[in-house]
Amino acid sequence: MVQEKALIGFEENGGFMYGKHNQVRDGSMTMALMLDLLSKTDKALSEEMSSLPKSFTTKGKIDCSKDSFKKILQGLKSELHKKDLTDGIKIFLDKSSWVMVRLSGTEPIARIYAESGTEDNLDEIFDKYMSKIKRIAGR
């Protein structure tokens, strides 16, 4: 966060970091920011939450060496969609759907994440890419 001068950061486990305060998860700061937002909008938390777009996420993992991960990256780079190679590969499929594959920094595994605006589409995307990733990795 410091190196990138990021204002906020998120972890997959729900952790939220506010860079102006500190660069670690801080539940008290998260609560203070939420209360500040609510005091300025005069809305209930449930109203604020219902205004957010629906989003469904899932994740998985496969055993994966660094060499296998390189194969996965090469195999997925040919995808015709918009991609981000910042931390592995994130493929944007449409306005509300994406899939991401990244090598774990602590275990010999690749983590696969997917997000979509509907649960049905999420399952389809995840299954398709999990199969593709396993095939590329030789599983």
C-alpha atoms as a PDB file:
ATOM      1  CA  MET A   1       0.000   0.000   0.000  1.00  0.00           C
ATOM      2  CA  VAL A   2       2.755   2.426   0.902  1.00  0.00           C
ATOM      3  CA  GLN A   3       4.732   1.793  -2.280  1.00  0.00           C
ATOM      4  CA  GLU A   4       1.615   2.235  -4.453  1.00  0.00           C
ATOM      5  CA  LYS A   5       0.309   5.140  -2.336  1.00  0.00           C
ATOM      6  CA  ALA A   6      -3.017   3.300  -2.118  1.00  0.00           C
ATOM      7  CA  LEU A   7      -5.781   5.002  -0.158  1.00  0.00           C
ATOM      8  CA  ILE A   8      -7.620   1.761   0.667  1.00  0.00           C
ATOM      9  CA  GLY A   9      -6.887  -1.952   0.541  1.00  0.00           C
ATOM     10  CA  PHE A  10      -8.935  -5.124   0.853  1.00  0.00           C
ATOM     11  CA  GLU A  11      -8.127  -8.740   1.658  1.00  0.00           C
ATOM     12  CA  GLU A  12     -10.089 -11.753   0.454  1.00  0.00           C
ATOM     13  CA  ASN A  13     -11.045 -12.558   4.055  1.00  0.00           C
ATOM     14  CA  GLY A  14     -12.934  -9.254   4.321  1.00  0.00           C
ATOM     15  CA  GLY A  15     -10.115  -7.232   5.846  1.00  0.00           C
ATOM     16  CA  PHE A  16     -10.228  -3.502   5.057  1.00  0.00           C
ATOM     17  CA  MET A  17      -7.307  -1.110   5.363  1.00  0.00           C
ATOM     18  CA  TYR A  18      -7.482   2.674   5.235  1.00  0.00           C
ATOM     19  CA  GLY A  19      -4.088   3.960   4.094  1.00  0.00           C
ATOM     20  CA  LYS A  20      -4.374   7.418   5.656  1.00  0.00           C
ATOM     21  CA  HIS A  21      -4.728   5.754   9.070  1.00  0.00           C
ATOM     22  CA  ASN A  22      -2.460   2.687   8.790  1.00  0.00           C
ATOM     23  CA  GLN A  23      -1.632  -0.192   6.456  1.00  0.00           C
ATOM     24  CA  VAL A  24      -3.148  -3.044   8.444  1.00  0.00           C
ATOM     25  CA  ARG A  25      -6.688  -4.291   8.962  1.00  0.00           C
ATOM     26  CA  ASP A  26      -8.472  -2.136  11.488  1.00  0.00           C
ATOM     27  CA  GLY A  27     -12.076  -2.919  12.408  1.00  0.00           C
ATOM     28  CA  SER A  28     -12.424   0.227  14.512  1.00  0.00           C
ATOM     29  CA  MET A  29     -11.396   2.452  11.592  1.00  0.00           C
ATOM     30  CA  THR A  30     -13.771   0.577   9.282  1.00  0.00           C
ATOM     31  CA  MET A  31     -16.621   1.209  11.732  1.00  0.00           C
ATOM     32  CA  ALA A  32     -15.675   4.888  12.097  1.00  0.00           C
ATOM     33  CA  LEU A  33     -15.683   5.344   8.307  1.00  0.00           C
ATOM     34  CA  MET A  34     -19.085   3.632   8.005  1.00  0.00           C
ATOM     35  CA  LEU A  35     -20.560   5.798  10.758  1.00  0.00           C
ATOM     36  CA  ASP A  36     -19.131   8.902   9.079  1.00  0.00           C
ATOM     37  CA  LEU A  37     -20.750   7.895   5.776  1.00  0.00           C
ATOM     38  CA  LEU A  38     -24.103   7.253   7.441  1.00  0.00           C
ATOM     39  CA  SER A  39     -24.003  10.597   9.284  1.00  0.00           C
ATOM     40  CA  LYS A  40     -23.496  12.429   5.978  1.00  0.00           C
ATOM     41  CA  THR A  41     -26.167  10.597   3.972  1.00  0.00           C
ATOM     42  CA  ASP A  42     -28.903  10.372   6.602  1.00  0.00           C
ATOM     43  CA  LYS A  43     -29.643   6.820   5.387  1.00  0.00           C
ATOM     44  CA  ALA A  44     -29.781   3.525   7.240  1.00  0.00           C
ATOM     45  CA  LEU A  45     -26.959   1.059   6.623  1.00  0.00           C
ATOM     46  CA  SER A  46     -29.476  -1.292   4.963  1.00  0.00           C
ATOM     47  CA  GLU A  47     -30.379   1.476   2.473  1.00  0.00           C
ATOM     48  CA  GLU A  48     -26.726   2.073   1.618  1.00  0.00           C
ATOM     49  CA  MET A  49     -26.138  -1.655   1.190  1.00  0.00           C
ATOM     50  CA  SER A  50     -29.187  -2.116  -1.050  1.00  0.00           C
ATOM     51  CA  SER A  51     -27.895   0.609  -3.376  1.00  0.00           C
ATOM     52  CA  LEU A  52     -24.783  -1.440  -4.190  1.00  0.00           C
ATOM     53  CA  PRO A  53     -24.822  -3.643  -7.305  1.00  0.00           C
ATOM     54  CA  LYS A  54     -25.422  -7.352  -6.718  1.00  0.00           C
ATOM     55  CA  SER A  55     -22.211  -9.317  -6.910  1.00  0.00           C
ATOM     56  CA  PHE A  56     -21.450 -12.986  -6.352  1.00  0.00           C
ATOM     57  CA  THR A  57     -17.971 -14.400  -5.792  1.00  0.00           C
ATOM     58  CA  THR A  58     -16.341 -17.790  -5.424  1.00  0.00           C
ATOM     59  CA  LYS A  59     -12.837 -19.155  -5.164  1.00  0.00           C
ATOM     60  CA  GLY A  60     -10.876 -22.359  -5.478  1.00  0.00           C
ATOM     61  CA  LYS A  61      -7.305 -23.586  -5.590  1.00  0.00           C
ATOM     62  CA  ILE A  62      -5.130 -26.202  -7.236  1.00  0.00           C
ATOM     63  CA  ASP A  63      -1.699 -27.555  -6.369  1.00  0.00           C
ATOM     64  CA  CYS A  64       0.678 -25.589  -8.551  1.00  0.00           C
ATOM     65  CA  SER A  65       4.426 -25.107  -8.883  1.00  0.00           C
ATOM     66  CA  LYS A  66       5.944 -21.891 -10.219  1.00  0.00           C
ATOM     67  CA  ASP A  67       6.636 -23.647 -13.535  1.00  0.00           C
ATOM     68  CA  SER A  68       3.030 -24.842 -13.829  1.00  0.00           C
ATOM     69  CA  PHE A  69       1.839 -21.337 -13.030  1.00  0.00           C
ATOM     70  CA  LYS A  70       3.932 -19.943 -15.890  1.00  0.00           C
ATOM     71  CA  LYS A  71       2.141 -22.397 -18.219  1.00  0.00           C
ATOM     72  CA  ILE A  72      -1.234 -21.267 -16.870  1.00  0.00           C
ATOM     73  CA  LEU A  73      -0.359 -17.603 -17.459  1.00  0.00           C
ATOM     74  CA  GLN A  74       0.783 -18.314 -21.015  1.00  0.00           C
ATOM     75  CA  GLY A  75      -2.323 -20.381 -21.726  1.00  0.00           C
ATOM     76  CA  LEU A  76      -4.691 -17.708 -20.435  1.00  0.00           C
ATOM     77  CA  LYS A  77      -2.905 -14.719 -21.988  1.00  0.00           C
ATOM     78  CA  SER A  78      -4.414 -15.713 -25.321  1.00  0.00           C
ATOM     79  CA  GLU A  79      -7.895 -14.910 -24.016  1.00  0.00           C
ATOM     80  CA  LEU A  80      -9.470 -12.195 -26.153  1.00  0.00           C
ATOM     81  CA  HIS A  81     -10.794 -10.264 -23.180  1.00  0.00           C
ATOM     82  CA  LYS A  82      -9.392  -7.288 -21.304  1.00  0.00           C
ATOM     83  CA  LYS A  83      -6.771  -8.496 -18.823  1.00  0.00           C
ATOM     84  CA  ASP A  84      -4.750  -7.222 -15.893  1.00  0.00           C
ATOM     85  CA  LEU A  85      -1.391  -8.885 -15.188  1.00  0.00           C
ATOM     86  CA  THR A  86      -0.641  -7.047 -11.927  1.00  0.00           C
ATOM     87  CA  ASP A  87      -0.805 -10.093  -9.615  1.00  0.00           C
ATOM     88  CA  GLY A  88      -1.213 -13.196 -11.749  1.00  0.00           C
ATOM     89  CA  ILE A  89      -3.861 -12.741 -14.421  1.00  0.00           C
ATOM     90  CA  LYS A  90      -7.311 -11.198 -14.111  1.00  0.00           C
ATOM     91  CA  ILE A  91      -9.557 -11.598 -17.153  1.00  0.00           C
ATOM     92  CA  PHE A  92     -12.510  -9.232 -17.468  1.00  0.00           C
ATOM     93  CA  LEU A  93     -15.312 -11.094 -19.253  1.00  0.00           C
ATOM     94  CA  ASP A  94     -17.992  -8.406 -19.285  1.00  0.00           C
ATOM     95  CA  LYS A  95     -19.190  -5.432 -17.247  1.00  0.00           C
ATOM     96  CA  SER A  96     -19.828  -7.481 -14.102  1.00  0.00           C
ATOM     97  CA  SER A  97     -17.820 -10.694 -14.536  1.00  0.00           C
ATOM     98  CA  TRP A  98     -14.166 -11.605 -14.188  1.00  0.00           C
ATOM     99  CA  VAL A  99     -11.881 -14.490 -13.270  1.00  0.00           C
ATOM    100  CA  MET A 100      -8.453 -14.195 -11.638  1.00  0.00           C
ATOM    101  CA  VAL A 101      -5.633 -16.681 -11.109  1.00  0.00           C
ATOM    102  CA  ARG A 102      -2.666 -15.926  -8.875  1.00  0.00           C
ATOM    103  CA  LEU A 103       0.134 -17.923  -7.338  1.00  0.00           C
ATOM    104  CA  SER A 104       0.023 -18.084  -3.549  1.00  0.00           C
ATOM    105  CA  GLY A 105       2.894 -16.356  -1.820  1.00  0.00           C
ATOM    106  CA  THR A 106       2.845 -18.832   1.072  1.00  0.00           C
ATOM    107  CA  GLU A 107       1.850 -22.223  -0.404  1.00  0.00           C
ATOM    108  CA  PRO A 108       2.584 -24.154  -3.634  1.00  0.00           C
ATOM    109  CA  ILE A 109      -0.921 -23.500  -4.984  1.00  0.00           C
ATOM    110  CA  ALA A 110      -2.684 -21.297  -7.493  1.00  0.00           C
ATOM    111  CA  ARG A 111      -5.763 -19.495  -6.234  1.00  0.00           C
ATOM    112  CA  ILE A 112      -8.674 -19.000  -8.605  1.00  0.00           C
ATOM    113  CA  TYR A 113     -11.267 -16.277  -7.972  1.00  0.00           C
ATOM    114  CA  ALA A 114     -14.382 -15.373  -9.962  1.00  0.00           C
ATOM    115  CA  GLU A 115     -17.065 -12.707  -9.691  1.00  0.00           C
ATOM    116  CA  SER A 116     -20.320 -12.134 -11.563  1.00  0.00           C
ATOM    117  CA  GLY A 117     -23.602 -10.273 -11.283  1.00  0.00           C
ATOM    118  CA  THR A 118     -25.613 -13.535 -11.126  1.00  0.00           C
ATOM    119  CA  GLU A 119     -25.040 -16.837  -9.338  1.00  0.00           C
ATOM    120  CA  ASP A 120     -25.805 -18.917 -12.441  1.00  0.00           C
ATOM    121  CA  ASN A 121     -23.261 -17.027 -14.523  1.00  0.00           C
ATOM    122  CA  LEU A 122     -20.739 -17.265 -11.684  1.00  0.00           C
ATOM    123  CA  ASP A 123     -20.986 -21.060 -11.573  1.00  0.00           C
ATOM    124  CA  GLU A 124     -20.629 -21.277 -15.358  1.00  0.00           C
ATOM    125  CA  ILE A 125     -17.585 -18.975 -15.424  1.00  0.00           C
ATOM    126  CA  PHE A 126     -15.865 -20.667 -12.498  1.00  0.00           C
ATOM    127  CA  ASP A 127     -16.395 -24.198 -13.813  1.00  0.00           C
ATOM    128  CA  LYS A 128     -15.214 -23.224 -17.312  1.00  0.00           C
ATOM    129  CA  TYR A 129     -12.019 -21.565 -16.118  1.00  0.00           C
ATOM    130  CA  MET A 130     -11.234 -24.120 -13.419  1.00  0.00           C
ATOM    131  CA  SER A 131     -11.400 -26.855 -16.078  1.00  0.00           C
ATOM    132  CA  LYS A 132      -9.284 -24.783 -18.463  1.00  0.00           C
ATOM    133  CA  ILE A 133      -6.674 -24.045 -15.774  1.00  0.00           C
ATOM    134  CA  LYS A 134      -6.445 -27.698 -14.744  1.00  0.00           C
ATOM    135  CA  ARG A 135      -6.066 -28.742 -18.392  1.00  0.00           C
ATOM    136  CA  ILE A 136      -3.283 -26.203 -18.994  1.00  0.00           C
ATOM    137  CA  ALA A 137      -1.520 -27.282 -15.771  1.00  0.00           C
ATOM    138  CA  GLY A 138      -1.765 -30.943 -16.803  1.00  0.00           C
ATOM    139  CA  ARG A 139      -4.238 -32.027 -14.114  1.00  0.00           C
END
